[in-house]
C-alpha atoms as a PDB file:
ATOM      1  CA  UNK A   1       0.000   0.000   0.000  1.00  0.00           C
ATOM      2  CA  UNK A   2       1.263   3.460  -0.882  1.00  0.00           C
ATOM      3  CA  UNK A   3       0.203   6.656   0.877  1.00  0.00           C
ATOM      4  CA  UNK A   4       0.677  10.332   0.023  1.00  0.00           C
ATOM      5  CA  UNK A   5       0.977  12.548   3.115  1.00  0.00           C
ATOM      6  CA  UNK A   6       0.983  16.340   2.898  1.00  0.00           C
ATOM      7  CA  UNK A   7       2.509  18.269   5.783  1.00  0.00           C
ATOM      8  CA  UNK A   8       4.766  15.278   6.427  1.00  0.00           C
ATOM      9  CA  UNK A   9       7.472  17.354   8.161  1.00  0.00           C
ATOM     10  CA  UNK A  10       5.031  18.888  10.612  1.00  0.00           C
ATOM     11  CA  UNK A  11       4.500  17.963  14.241  1.00  0.00           C
ATOM     12  CA  UNK A  12       1.622  15.551  13.607  1.00  0.00           C
ATOM     13  CA  UNK A  13       3.046  14.523  10.233  1.00  0.00           C
ATOM     14  CA  UNK A  14       6.147  13.115  11.910  1.00  0.00           C
ATOM     15  CA  UNK A  15       4.080  10.799  14.083  1.00  0.00           C
ATOM     16  CA  UNK A  16       1.834   9.739  11.200  1.00  0.00           C
ATOM     17  CA  UNK A  17       4.665   8.947   8.778  1.00  0.00           C
ATOM     18  CA  UNK A  18       6.489   6.890  11.423  1.00  0.00           C
ATOM     19  CA  UNK A  19       3.313   4.913  12.211  1.00  0.00           C
ATOM     20  CA  UNK A  20       2.672   4.178   8.529  1.00  0.00           C
ATOM     21  CA  UNK A  21       6.251   3.055   7.896  1.00  0.00           C
ATOM     22  CA  UNK A  22       6.173   0.876  11.007  1.00  0.00           C
ATOM     23  CA  UNK A  23       3.120  -0.896   9.588  1.00  0.00           C
ATOM     24  CA  UNK A  24       4.630  -1.586   6.175  1.00  0.00           C
ATOM     25  CA  UNK A  25       3.218   1.267   4.091  1.00  0.00           C
ATOM     26  CA  UNK A  26       5.224   3.045   1.421  1.00  0.00           C
ATOM     27  CA  UNK A  27       4.988   6.768   2.039  1.00  0.00           C
ATOM     28  CA  UNK A  28       5.544   9.824  -0.122  1.00  0.00           C
ATOM     29  CA  UNK A  29       5.735  12.943   2.028  1.00  0.00           C
ATOM     30  CA  UNK A  30       5.225  16.525   0.890  1.00  0.00           C
ATOM     31  CA  UNK A  31       6.245  19.663   2.744  1.00  0.00           C
ATOM     32  CA  UNK A  32       7.665  23.066   1.842  1.00  0.00           C
ATOM     33  CA  UNK A  33       9.080  23.793   5.317  1.00  0.00           C
ATOM     34  CA  UNK A  34       6.973  26.969   5.510  1.00  0.00           C
ATOM     35  CA  UNK A  35       5.926  26.417   9.116  1.00  0.00           C
ATOM     36  CA  UNK A  36       9.116  25.571  11.015  1.00  0.00           C
ATOM     37  CA  UNK A  37      11.866  25.675   8.414  1.00  0.00           C
ATOM     38  CA  UNK A  38      13.809  22.543   7.560  1.00  0.00           C
ATOM     39  CA  UNK A  39      13.723  19.896  10.276  1.00  0.00           C
ATOM     40  CA  UNK A  40      15.419  16.496  10.062  1.00  0.00           C
ATOM     41  CA  UNK A  41      13.099  13.593  10.850  1.00  0.00           C
ATOM     42  CA  UNK A  42      14.069  10.102  11.995  1.00  0.00           C
ATOM     43  CA  UNK A  43      12.286   8.557   9.010  1.00  0.00           C
ATOM     44  CA  UNK A  44      14.055  10.667   6.359  1.00  0.00           C
ATOM     45  CA  UNK A  45      16.381   7.794   5.416  1.00  0.00           C
ATOM     46  CA  UNK A  46      13.811   4.997   5.637  1.00  0.00           C
ATOM     47  CA  UNK A  47      13.834   2.912   2.420  1.00  0.00           C
ATOM     48  CA  UNK A  48      10.035   3.131   2.075  1.00  0.00           C
ATOM     49  CA  UNK A  49       9.905   6.914   2.480  1.00  0.00           C
ATOM     50  CA  UNK A  50      10.228   9.458  -0.314  1.00  0.00           C
ATOM     51  CA  UNK A  51      10.243  13.174   0.443  1.00  0.00           C
ATOM     52  CA  UNK A  52       9.319  15.924  -2.003  1.00  0.00           C
ATOM     53  CA  UNK A  53       9.883  19.581  -1.183  1.00  0.00           C
ATOM     54  CA  UNK A  54       6.912  21.348  -2.742  1.00  0.00           C
ATOM     55  CA  UNK A  55       3.830  23.398  -1.949  1.00  0.00           C
ATOM     56  CA  UNK A  56       0.751  21.358  -1.023  1.00  0.00           C
ATOM     57  CA  UNK A  57      -1.386  23.996  -2.764  1.00  0.00           C
ATOM     58  CA  UNK A  58      -0.066  22.802  -6.150  1.00  0.00           C
ATOM     59  CA  UNK A  59      -2.978  20.729  -7.436  1.00  0.00           C
ATOM     60  CA  UNK A  60      -1.113  19.436 -10.489  1.00  0.00           C
ATOM     61  CA  UNK A  61       1.767  18.093  -8.394  1.00  0.00           C
ATOM     62  CA  UNK A  62      -0.639  16.414  -5.970  1.00  0.00           C
ATOM     63  CA  UNK A  63      -2.637  14.878  -8.815  1.00  0.00           C
ATOM     64  CA  UNK A  64       0.494  13.425 -10.414  1.00  0.00           C
ATOM     65  CA  UNK A  65       1.810  12.045  -7.133  1.00  0.00           C
ATOM     66  CA  UNK A  66      -1.508  10.310  -6.461  1.00  0.00           C
ATOM     67  CA  UNK A  67      -1.261   8.222  -9.657  1.00  0.00           C
ATOM     68  CA  UNK A  68       0.018   5.117  -7.857  1.00  0.00           C
ATOM     69  CA  UNK A  69      -1.265   5.864  -4.344  1.00  0.00           C
ATOM     70  CA  UNK A  70      -3.922   3.868  -2.515  1.00  0.00           C
ATOM     71  CA  UNK A  71      -4.495   6.548   0.112  1.00  0.00           C
ATOM     72  CA  UNK A  72      -4.129  10.289   0.534  1.00  0.00           C
ATOM     73  CA  UNK A  73      -3.706  11.788   4.025  1.00  0.00           C
ATOM     74  CA  UNK A  74      -4.086  15.581   3.886  1.00  0.00           C
ATOM     75  CA  UNK A  75      -2.388  17.039   6.959  1.00  0.00           C
ATOM     76  CA  UNK A  76      -0.925  20.272   5.566  1.00  0.00           C
ATOM     77  CA  UNK A  77      -2.404  23.305   7.299  1.00  0.00           C
ATOM     78  CA  UNK A  78      -1.496  26.775   8.461  1.00  0.00           C
ATOM     79  CA  UNK A  79      -1.475  26.761  12.255  1.00  0.00           C
ATOM     80  CA  UNK A  80       0.702  28.016  15.082  1.00  0.00           C
ATOM     81  CA  UNK A  81       0.010  28.634  18.741  1.00  0.00           C
ATOM     82  CA  UNK A  82      -2.976  30.512  20.093  1.00  0.00           C
ATOM     83  CA  UNK A  83      -1.284  33.846  19.336  1.00  0.00           C
ATOM     84  CA  UNK A  84      -1.502  32.829  15.664  1.00  0.00           C
ATOM     85  CA  UNK A  85      -5.305  32.864  15.870  1.00  0.00           C
ATOM     86  CA  UNK A  86      -5.220  36.566  16.639  1.00  0.00           C
ATOM     87  CA  UNK A  87      -2.283  37.878  14.634  1.00  0.00           C
ATOM     88  CA  UNK A  88      -2.965  35.976  11.405  1.00  0.00           C
ATOM     89  CA  UNK A  89      -6.736  35.643  11.436  1.00  0.00           C
ATOM     90  CA  UNK A  90      -7.107  36.301   7.706  1.00  0.00           C
ATOM     91  CA  UNK A  91      -4.020  34.405   6.554  1.00  0.00           C
ATOM     92  CA  UNK A  92      -5.129  31.335   8.489  1.00  0.00           C
ATOM     93  CA  UNK A  93      -8.466  30.989   6.757  1.00  0.00           C
ATOM     94  CA  UNK A  94      -7.114  32.014   3.352  1.00  0.00           C
ATOM     95  CA  UNK A  95      -4.195  29.571   3.426  1.00  0.00           C
ATOM     96  CA  UNK A  96      -6.184  26.677   4.855  1.00  0.00           C
ATOM     97  CA  UNK A  97      -8.982  27.043   2.322  1.00  0.00           C
ATOM     98  CA  UNK A  98      -6.429  26.983  -0.514  1.00  0.00           C
ATOM     99  CA  UNK A  99      -4.757  23.888   0.939  1.00  0.00           C
ATOM    100  CA  UNK A 100      -8.073  22.074   1.299  1.00  0.00           C
ATOM    101  CA  UNK A 101      -9.235  23.054  -2.170  1.00  0.00           C
ATOM    102  CA  UNK A 102      -5.977  21.810  -3.709  1.00  0.00           C
ATOM    103  CA  UNK A 103      -6.158  18.529  -1.782  1.00  0.00           C
ATOM    104  CA  UNK A 104      -9.752  17.788  -2.725  1.00  0.00           C
ATOM    105  CA  UNK A 105      -9.293  18.973  -6.321  1.00  0.00           C
ATOM    106  CA  UNK A 106      -6.382  16.557  -6.739  1.00  0.00           C
ATOM    107  CA  UNK A 107      -8.207  13.704  -5.016  1.00  0.00           C
ATOM    108  CA  UNK A 108     -11.305  14.217  -7.173  1.00  0.00           C
ATOM    109  CA  UNK A 109      -9.245  14.325 -10.375  1.00  0.00           C
ATOM    110  CA  UNK A 110      -7.426  11.139  -9.453  1.00  0.00           C
ATOM    111  CA  UNK A 111     -10.500   9.302  -8.137  1.00  0.00           C
ATOM    112  CA  UNK A 112     -12.533  10.046 -11.273  1.00  0.00           C
ATOM    113  CA  UNK A 113      -9.699   9.170 -13.694  1.00  0.00           C
ATOM    114  CA  UNK A 114      -9.890   5.933 -15.773  1.00  0.00           C
ATOM    115  CA  UNK A 115      -6.892   4.270 -14.090  1.00  0.00           C
ATOM    116  CA  UNK A 116      -7.625   5.279 -10.522  1.00  0.00           C
ATOM    117  CA  UNK A 117      -6.051   3.461  -7.535  1.00  0.00           C
ATOM    118  CA  UNK A 118      -7.049   5.979  -4.863  1.00  0.00           C
ATOM    119  CA  UNK A 119      -9.450   4.520  -2.315  1.00  0.00           C
ATOM    120  CA  UNK A 120     -10.272   7.664  -0.351  1.00  0.00           C
ATOM    121  CA  UNK A 121      -8.983  10.880   1.175  1.00  0.00           C
ATOM    122  CA  UNK A 122      -8.290  11.107   4.909  1.00  0.00           C
ATOM    123  CA  UNK A 123      -8.227  14.662   6.182  1.00  0.00           C
ATOM    124  CA  UNK A 124      -7.421  16.308   9.495  1.00  0.00           C
ATOM    125  CA  UNK A 125      -9.955  18.621  11.099  1.00  0.00           C
ATOM    126  CA  UNK A 126      -9.770  19.876  14.709  1.00  0.00           C
ATOM    127  CA  UNK A 127     -11.589  19.993  18.018  1.00  0.00           C
ATOM    128  CA  UNK A 128     -11.923  23.727  17.257  1.00  0.00           C
ATOM    129  CA  UNK A 129     -14.994  22.881  15.165  1.00  0.00           C
ATOM    130  CA  UNK A 130     -16.767  22.637  18.552  1.00  0.00           C
ATOM    131  CA  UNK A 131     -15.439  26.030  19.665  1.00  0.00           C
ATOM    132  CA  UNK A 132     -18.874  27.598  20.202  1.00  0.00           C
ATOM    133  CA  UNK A 133     -20.612  24.623  21.789  1.00  0.00           C
ATOM    134  CA  UNK A 134     -22.310  24.650  25.179  1.00  0.00           C
ATOM    135  CA  UNK A 135     -23.103  20.925  25.056  1.00  0.00           C
ATOM    136  CA  UNK A 136     -20.585  18.394  26.402  1.00  0.00           C
ATOM    137  CA  UNK A 137     -19.249  15.918  25.609  1.00  0.00           C
ATOM    138  CA  UNK A 138     -18.989  16.962  21.961  1.00  0.00           C
ATOM    139  CA  UNK A 139     -20.158  14.324  19.498  1.00  0.00           C
ATOM    140  CA  UNK A 140     -19.357  13.963  15.830  1.00  0.00           C
ATOM    141  CA  UNK A 141     -21.842  15.939  13.705  1.00  0.00           C
ATOM    142  CA  UNK A 142     -22.488  18.377  16.567  1.00  0.00           C
ATOM    143  CA  UNK A 143     -20.572  20.862  14.405  1.00  0.00           C
ATOM    144  CA  UNK A 144     -23.624  21.068  12.133  1.00  0.00           C
ATOM    145  CA  UNK A 145     -26.029  21.722  15.023  1.00  0.00           C
ATOM    146  CA  UNK A 146     -24.190  24.411  16.992  1.00  0.00           C
ATOM    147  CA  UNK A 147     -23.183  27.969  16.037  1.00  0.00           C
ATOM    148  CA  UNK A 148     -20.081  28.111  13.818  1.00  0.00           C
ATOM    149  CA  UNK A 149     -16.659  28.648  15.425  1.00  0.00           C
ATOM    150  CA  UNK A 150     -15.737  32.185  16.443  1.00  0.00           C
ATOM    151  CA  UNK A 151     -12.120  31.985  15.241  1.00  0.00           C
ATOM    152  CA  UNK A 152     -11.157  31.930  11.574  1.00  0.00           C
ATOM    153  CA  UNK A 153      -8.978  28.887  12.263  1.00  0.00           C
ATOM    154  CA  UNK A 154     -11.930  26.987  13.723  1.00  0.00           C
ATOM    155  CA  UNK A 155     -14.079  28.007  10.764  1.00  0.00           C
ATOM    156  CA  UNK A 156     -11.414  26.807   8.305  1.00  0.00           C
ATOM    157  CA  UNK A 157     -11.486  23.415  10.009  1.00  0.00           C
ATOM    158  CA  UNK A 158     -15.280  23.310   9.905  1.00  0.00           C
ATOM    159  CA  UNK A 159     -14.970  23.893   6.145  1.00  0.00           C
ATOM    160  CA  UNK A 160     -13.036  20.609   5.900  1.00  0.00           C
ATOM    161  CA  UNK A 161     -16.280  18.776   6.652  1.00  0.00           C
ATOM    162  CA  UNK A 162     -18.117  20.617   3.881  1.00  0.00           C
ATOM    163  CA  UNK A 163     -15.322  19.976   1.390  1.00  0.00           C
ATOM    164  CA  UNK A 164     -15.558  16.259   2.174  1.00  0.00           C
ATOM    165  CA  UNK A 165     -19.333  16.096   1.959  1.00  0.00           C
ATOM    166  CA  UNK A 166     -19.395  18.144  -1.240  1.00  0.00           C
ATOM    167  CA  UNK A 167     -16.767  15.974  -2.945  1.00  0.00           C
ATOM    168  CA  UNK A 168     -18.690  12.844  -2.040  1.00  0.00           C
ATOM    169  CA  UNK A 169     -22.092  14.228  -3.046  1.00  0.00           C
ATOM    170  CA  UNK A 170     -20.883  15.329  -6.471  1.00  0.00           C
ATOM    171  CA  UNK A 171     -18.018  12.945  -7.278  1.00  0.00           C
ATOM    172  CA  UNK A 172     -18.546  10.048  -4.831  1.00  0.00           C
ATOM    173  CA  UNK A 173     -15.042  10.552  -3.416  1.00  0.00           C
ATOM    174  CA  UNK A 174     -14.908   8.531  -0.172  1.00  0.00           C
ATOM    175  CA  UNK A 175     -13.450  10.263   2.878  1.00  0.00           C
ATOM    176  CA  UNK A 176     -12.552   9.959   6.535  1.00  0.00           C
ATOM    177  CA  UNK A 177     -12.294  13.022   8.789  1.00  0.00           C
ATOM    178  CA  UNK A 178     -10.204  13.012  11.967  1.00  0.00           C
ATOM    179  CA  UNK A 179     -10.942  15.523  14.756  1.00  0.00           C
ATOM    180  CA  UNK A 180      -7.944  15.502  17.144  1.00  0.00           C
ATOM    181  CA  UNK A 181      -8.213  17.057  20.592  1.00  0.00           C
ATOM    182  CA  UNK A 182      -5.087  18.905  21.775  1.00  0.00           C
ATOM    183  CA  UNK A 183      -2.408  16.730  20.239  1.00  0.00           C
ATOM    184  CA  UNK A 184       0.787  16.728  22.322  1.00  0.00           C
ATOM    185  CA  UNK A 185       4.230  15.196  22.034  1.00  0.00           C
ATOM    186  CA  UNK A 186       7.761  16.069  20.988  1.00  0.00           C
ATOM    187  CA  UNK A 187       9.121  17.569  17.783  1.00  0.00           C
ATOM    188  CA  UNK A 188       7.051  20.736  17.616  1.00  0.00           C
ATOM    189  CA  UNK A 189       8.963  23.946  17.035  1.00  0.00           C
ATOM    190  CA  UNK A 190       7.959  27.609  17.174  1.00  0.00           C
ATOM    191  CA  UNK A 191       6.265  28.486  13.889  1.00  0.00           C
ATOM    192  CA  UNK A 192       8.030  30.884  11.540  1.00  0.00           C
ATOM    193  CA  UNK A 193       6.433  34.303  11.830  1.00  0.00           C
ATOM    194  CA  UNK A 194       4.756  33.584  15.165  1.00  0.00           C
ATOM    195  CA  UNK A 195       4.650  36.705  17.272  1.00  0.00           C
ATOM    196  CA  UNK A 196       7.045  37.333  20.153  1.00  0.00           C
ATOM    197  CA  UNK A 197       4.730  36.935  23.136  1.00  0.00           C
ATOM    198  CA  UNK A 198       6.170  37.692  26.563  1.00  0.00           C
ATOM    199  CA  UNK A 199       4.791  36.276  29.804  1.00  0.00           C
ATOM    200  CA  UNK A 200       6.574  38.106  32.580  1.00  0.00           C
ATOM    201  CA  UNK A 201      10.258  37.917  31.694  1.00  0.00           C
ATOM    202  CA  UNK A 202       9.900  34.769  29.572  1.00  0.00           C
ATOM    203  CA  UNK A 203       9.013  34.542  25.902  1.00  0.00           C
ATOM    204  CA  UNK A 204       6.379  31.907  25.202  1.00  0.00           C
ATOM    205  CA  UNK A 205       7.796  28.911  23.366  1.00  0.00           C
ATOM    206  CA  UNK A 206       4.973  28.514  20.846  1.00  0.00           C
ATOM    207  CA  UNK A 207       1.785  29.683  22.581  1.00  0.00           C
ATOM    208  CA  UNK A 208       0.753  26.072  23.223  1.00  0.00           C
ATOM    209  CA  UNK A 209      -0.015  25.364  26.846  1.00  0.00           C
ATOM    210  CA  UNK A 210       2.188  22.323  27.557  1.00  0.00           C
ATOM    211  CA  UNK A 211       5.480  23.462  25.971  1.00  0.00           C
ATOM    212  CA  UNK A 212       4.951  26.967  27.321  1.00  0.00           C
ATOM    213  CA  UNK A 213       4.303  25.798  30.878  1.00  0.00           C
ATOM    214  CA  UNK A 214       7.219  23.358  30.672  1.00  0.00           C
ATOM    215  CA  UNK A 215       9.704  25.996  29.595  1.00  0.00           C
ATOM    216  CA  UNK A 216       8.492  28.519  32.181  1.00  0.00           C
ATOM    217  CA  UNK A 217       8.874  25.916  34.927  1.00  0.00           C
ATOM    218  CA  UNK A 218      12.308  24.798  33.692  1.00  0.00           C
ATOM    219  CA  UNK A 219      13.517  28.408  33.355  1.00  0.00           C
ATOM    220  CA  UNK A 220      12.583  29.095  36.957  1.00  0.00           C
ATOM    221  CA  UNK A 221       9.602  31.404  36.657  1.00  0.00           C
ATOM    222  CA  UNK A 222       8.167  31.937  40.123  1.00  0.00           C
ATOM    223  CA  UNK A 223       5.352  32.170  40.796  1.00  0.00           C
ATOM    224  CA  UNK A 224       4.380  30.252  37.658  1.00  0.00           C
ATOM    225  CA  UNK A 225       2.223  32.323  35.299  1.00  0.00           C
ATOM    226  CA  UNK A 226      -1.003  30.744  34.019  1.00  0.00           C
ATOM    227  CA  UNK A 227      -2.869  32.448  31.185  1.00  0.00           C
ATOM    228  CA  UNK A 228      -6.540  32.814  32.062  1.00  0.00           C
ATOM    229  CA  UNK A 229      -8.202  31.514  35.221  1.00  0.00           C
ATOM    230  CA  UNK A 230      -6.618  28.048  35.141  1.00  0.00           C
ATOM    231  CA  UNK A 231     -10.014  26.357  34.972  1.00  0.00           C
ATOM    232  CA  UNK A 232      -9.885  25.731  31.212  1.00  0.00           C
ATOM    233  CA  UNK A 233     -10.489  22.024  30.537  1.00  0.00           C
ATOM    234  CA  UNK A 234      -8.528  20.115  27.901  1.00  0.00           C
ATOM    235  CA  UNK A 235      -8.109  16.489  26.855  1.00  0.00           C
ATOM    236  CA  UNK A 236      -4.479  16.039  25.820  1.00  0.00           C
ATOM    237  CA  UNK A 237      -3.910  13.362  23.165  1.00  0.00           C
ATOM    238  CA  UNK A 238      -0.512  11.845  22.454  1.00  0.00           C
ATOM    239  CA  UNK A 239       0.686  12.232  18.861  1.00  0.00           C
ATOM    240  CA  UNK A 240       1.513   8.530  18.695  1.00  0.00           C
ATOM    241  CA  UNK A 241      -2.075   7.630  19.611  1.00  0.00           C
ATOM    242  CA  UNK A 242      -3.462  10.031  17.012  1.00  0.00           C
ATOM    243  CA  UNK A 243      -1.187   8.523  14.357  1.00  0.00           C
ATOM    244  CA  UNK A 244      -2.349   5.025  15.267  1.00  0.00           C
ATOM    245  CA  UNK A 245      -5.992   6.071  14.906  1.00  0.00           C
ATOM    246  CA  UNK A 246      -5.322   7.547  11.464  1.00  0.00           C
ATOM    247  CA  UNK A 247      -3.504   4.404  10.374  1.00  0.00           C
ATOM    248  CA  UNK A 248      -6.307   2.141  11.654  1.00  0.00           C
ATOM    249  CA  UNK A 249      -8.912   4.174   9.782  1.00  0.00           C
ATOM    250  CA  UNK A 250      -7.238   3.766   6.373  1.00  0.00           C
ATOM    251  CA  UNK A 251      -8.373   0.232   5.564  1.00  0.00           C
ATOM    252  CA  UNK A 252     -11.393   0.031   7.862  1.00  0.00           C
ATOM    253  CA  UNK A 253     -14.668  -0.009   5.928  1.00  0.00           C
ATOM    254  CA  UNK A 254     -16.405   1.421   8.995  1.00  0.00           C
ATOM    255  CA  UNK A 255     -14.426   4.616   8.497  1.00  0.00           C
ATOM    256  CA  UNK A 256     -15.798   5.375   5.032  1.00  0.00           C
ATOM    257  CA  UNK A 257     -17.564   8.769   4.975  1.00  0.00           C
ATOM    258  CA  UNK A 258     -17.289   9.147   8.745  1.00  0.00           C
ATOM    259  CA  UNK A 259     -15.666  11.617  11.123  1.00  0.00           C
ATOM    260  CA  UNK A 260     -14.017  10.636  14.394  1.00  0.00           C
ATOM    261  CA  UNK A 261     -13.093  12.448  17.580  1.00  0.00           C
ATOM    262  CA  UNK A 262      -9.638  11.208  18.570  1.00  0.00           C
ATOM    263  CA  UNK A 263      -8.795  11.937  22.174  1.00  0.00           C
ATOM    264  CA  UNK A 264      -8.167  10.594  25.621  1.00  0.00           C
ATOM    265  CA  UNK A 265     -11.177  10.274  27.882  1.00  0.00           C
ATOM    266  CA  UNK A 266      -9.530  12.058  30.809  1.00  0.00           C
ATOM    267  CA  UNK A 267      -9.576  15.840  31.009  1.00  0.00           C
ATOM    268  CA  UNK A 268      -7.388  18.201  33.021  1.00  0.00           C
ATOM    269  CA  UNK A 269      -7.740  21.835  33.979  1.00  0.00           C
ATOM    270  CA  UNK A 270      -4.791  24.052  33.109  1.00  0.00           C
ATOM    271  CA  UNK A 271      -4.164  24.451  36.842  1.00  0.00           C
ATOM    272  CA  UNK A 272      -3.974  20.658  37.268  1.00  0.00           C
ATOM    273  CA  UNK A 273      -1.663  20.438  34.261  1.00  0.00           C
ATOM    274  CA  UNK A 274       0.652  23.128  35.656  1.00  0.00           C
ATOM    275  CA  UNK A 275       0.818  21.411  39.030  1.00  0.00           C
ATOM    276  CA  UNK A 276       1.623  18.082  37.380  1.00  0.00           C
ATOM    277  CA  UNK A 277       4.448  19.624  35.305  1.00  0.00           C
ATOM    278  CA  UNK A 278       5.812  21.321  38.433  1.00  0.00           C
ATOM    279  CA  UNK A 279       5.872  18.003  40.269  1.00  0.00           C
ATOM    280  CA  UNK A 280       7.477  16.078  37.415  1.00  0.00           C
ATOM    281  CA  UNK A 281      10.131  18.744  36.904  1.00  0.00           C
ATOM    282  CA  UNK A 282      11.040  18.280  40.593  1.00  0.00           C
ATOM    283  CA  UNK A 283      11.171  21.979  41.393  1.00  0.00           C
ATOM    284  CA  UNK A 284      12.484  22.640  44.905  1.00  0.00           C
ATOM    285  CA  UNK A 285       9.880  25.289  45.754  1.00  0.00           C
ATOM    286  CA  UNK A 286       6.228  25.088  46.812  1.00  0.00           C
ATOM    287  CA  UNK A 287       3.858  25.225  43.852  1.00  0.00           C
ATOM    288  CA  UNK A 288       2.564  28.767  43.411  1.00  0.00           C
ATOM    289  CA  UNK A 289       0.783  30.384  40.473  1.00  0.00           C
ATOM    290  CA  UNK A 290      -0.100  33.840  39.230  1.00  0.00           C
ATOM    291  CA  UNK A 291      -3.063  34.258  36.885  1.00  0.00           C
ATOM    292  CA  UNK A 292      -2.487  36.412  33.813  1.00  0.00           C
ATOM    293  CA  UNK A 293      -4.772  37.787  31.091  1.00  0.00           C
ATOM    294  CA  UNK A 294      -5.615  35.100  28.563  1.00  0.00           C
ATOM    295  CA  UNK A 295      -6.292  35.134  24.833  1.00  0.00           C
ATOM    296  CA  UNK A 296      -9.673  35.886  23.288  1.00  0.00           C
ATOM    297  CA  UNK A 297     -10.004  32.500  21.557  1.00  0.00           C
ATOM    298  CA  UNK A 298      -8.874  30.427  24.520  1.00  0.00           C
ATOM    299  CA  UNK A 299     -11.827  28.012  24.623  1.00  0.00           C
ATOM    300  CA  UNK A 300     -12.772  27.313  28.228  1.00  0.00           C
ATOM    301  CA  UNK A 301     -13.964  23.749  27.807  1.00  0.00           C
ATOM    302  CA  UNK A 302     -13.248  21.001  25.315  1.00  0.00           C
ATOM    303  CA  UNK A 303     -14.656  17.595  26.215  1.00  0.00           C
ATOM    304  CA  UNK A 304     -14.968  14.898  23.511  1.00  0.00           C
ATOM    305  CA  UNK A 305     -17.239  11.938  23.088  1.00  0.00           C
ATOM    306  CA  UNK A 306     -14.902   9.185  21.841  1.00  0.00           C
ATOM    307  CA  UNK A 307     -17.347   6.288  21.751  1.00  0.00           C
ATOM    308  CA  UNK A 308     -17.648   6.314  17.947  1.00  0.00           C
ATOM    309  CA  UNK A 309     -13.931   5.652  17.391  1.00  0.00           C
ATOM    310  CA  UNK A 310     -14.067   2.811  19.903  1.00  0.00           C
ATOM    311  CA  UNK A 311     -17.169   1.291  18.327  1.00  0.00           C
ATOM    312  CA  UNK A 312     -16.269   1.614  14.626  1.00  0.00           C
ATOM    313  CA  UNK A 313     -12.454   1.532  14.686  1.00  0.00           C
ATOM    314  CA  UNK A 314     -11.782  -0.405  17.876  1.00  0.00           C
ATOM    315  CA  UNK A 315      -9.547   2.495  18.896  1.00  0.00           C
ATOM    316  CA  UNK A 316      -8.905   4.064  22.280  1.00  0.00           C
ATOM    317  CA  UNK A 317      -6.204   6.600  23.130  1.00  0.00           C
ATOM    318  CA  UNK A 318      -4.385   4.850  25.952  1.00  0.00           C
ATOM    319  CA  UNK A 319      -1.276   6.985  26.589  1.00  0.00           C
ATOM    320  CA  UNK A 320      -1.621   8.900  29.848  1.00  0.00           C
ATOM    321  CA  UNK A 321      -0.755  12.577  30.077  1.00  0.00           C
ATOM    322  CA  UNK A 322       1.540  11.772  32.999  1.00  0.00           C
ATOM    323  CA  UNK A 323       3.653   9.542  30.740  1.00  0.00           C
ATOM    324  CA  UNK A 324       3.680  12.002  27.824  1.00  0.00           C
ATOM    325  CA  UNK A 325       4.903  14.791  30.118  1.00  0.00           C
ATOM    326  CA  UNK A 326       8.041  12.845  31.045  1.00  0.00           C
ATOM    327  CA  UNK A 327       8.959  12.761  27.354  1.00  0.00           C
ATOM    328  CA  UNK A 328       8.013  16.397  26.690  1.00  0.00           C
ATOM    329  CA  UNK A 329       9.807  17.844  29.739  1.00  0.00           C
ATOM    330  CA  UNK A 330      13.025  16.084  28.722  1.00  0.00           C
ATOM    331  CA  UNK A 331      12.657  17.313  25.136  1.00  0.00           C
ATOM    332  CA  UNK A 332      11.939  20.916  26.195  1.00  0.00           C
ATOM    333  CA  UNK A 333      14.920  20.799  28.550  1.00  0.00           C
ATOM    334  CA  UNK A 334      17.169  19.738  25.666  1.00  0.00           C
ATOM    335  CA  UNK A 335      15.757  22.487  23.406  1.00  0.00           C
ATOM    336  CA  UNK A 336      16.432  25.103  26.095  1.00  0.00           C
ATOM    337  CA  UNK A 337      20.040  23.896  26.475  1.00  0.00           C
ATOM    338  CA  UNK A 338      20.469  24.059  22.687  1.00  0.00           C
ATOM    339  CA  UNK A 339      19.144  27.630  22.652  1.00  0.00           C
ATOM    340  CA  UNK A 340      16.131  26.728  20.502  1.00  0.00           C
ATOM    341  CA  UNK A 341      13.521  27.831  23.052  1.00  0.00           C
END
């Protein structure tokens, strides 16, 4: 089986490509390094991996690369930390719509061609499609029953669902949509062009809560600054678990024309998260926090219903946040020593 993956050098892309290669797939990865710059990945030299440096908005290139592919995983997207939502509100929606249009245009052209091998398109959405909900836990298809997202990023991810439904209605292109909740892990860098956001005397690493809290703790900020009231609820999902879910959905007939929330079942408040990081970093001071002004689009509650993925895919995210943090804290520590954060 051969798979085309756009955004293969990204944070999630790294986990997905590794999972596919581990399970015997041949993978062609596309990235133009526009988000982080060039980053070496552990799979770069794998015999079943081919990398192409190009823009995922180039429909002709995508169409040609899909000629001998069984699957197409569209991961490429414009996204940074939460500061990105505010500073690049137009660019986010403009870029993401172009990326989605190019992906679906290429998939439709290949799927409707006489010598087609493509089975379906698998595309990444986001828990931000539920940004405006007041009903929890959030279930798949709730996005069509609640008000649209407030942020342009959330709206661009909601559009993914309409692209998929439109392509199937008109061209019968099969699809699977994945809605990840707060994917975490190692390998994420500060996005190029992301604003310089200061929190006290420390510059935020990438405006994502876990790496930012980790670096503030490791750099000795005291008391530890928390953006917002600390009561925001998140379900943090390990990148390796997300990649496994995507891989499992490729050949599963139950995944055809379905969307799936991929997440752990256990939620944490930001305060609980901060306290856990403090404990794991073994800081020799009593835990103490200071609450700071948060961002406008900092959703206060994200709680997923994950029963559909368990029922149709046989998938559950099993990696505990406590275990992921050990890996992330070590990685952030190394990045600080190397002067990267």
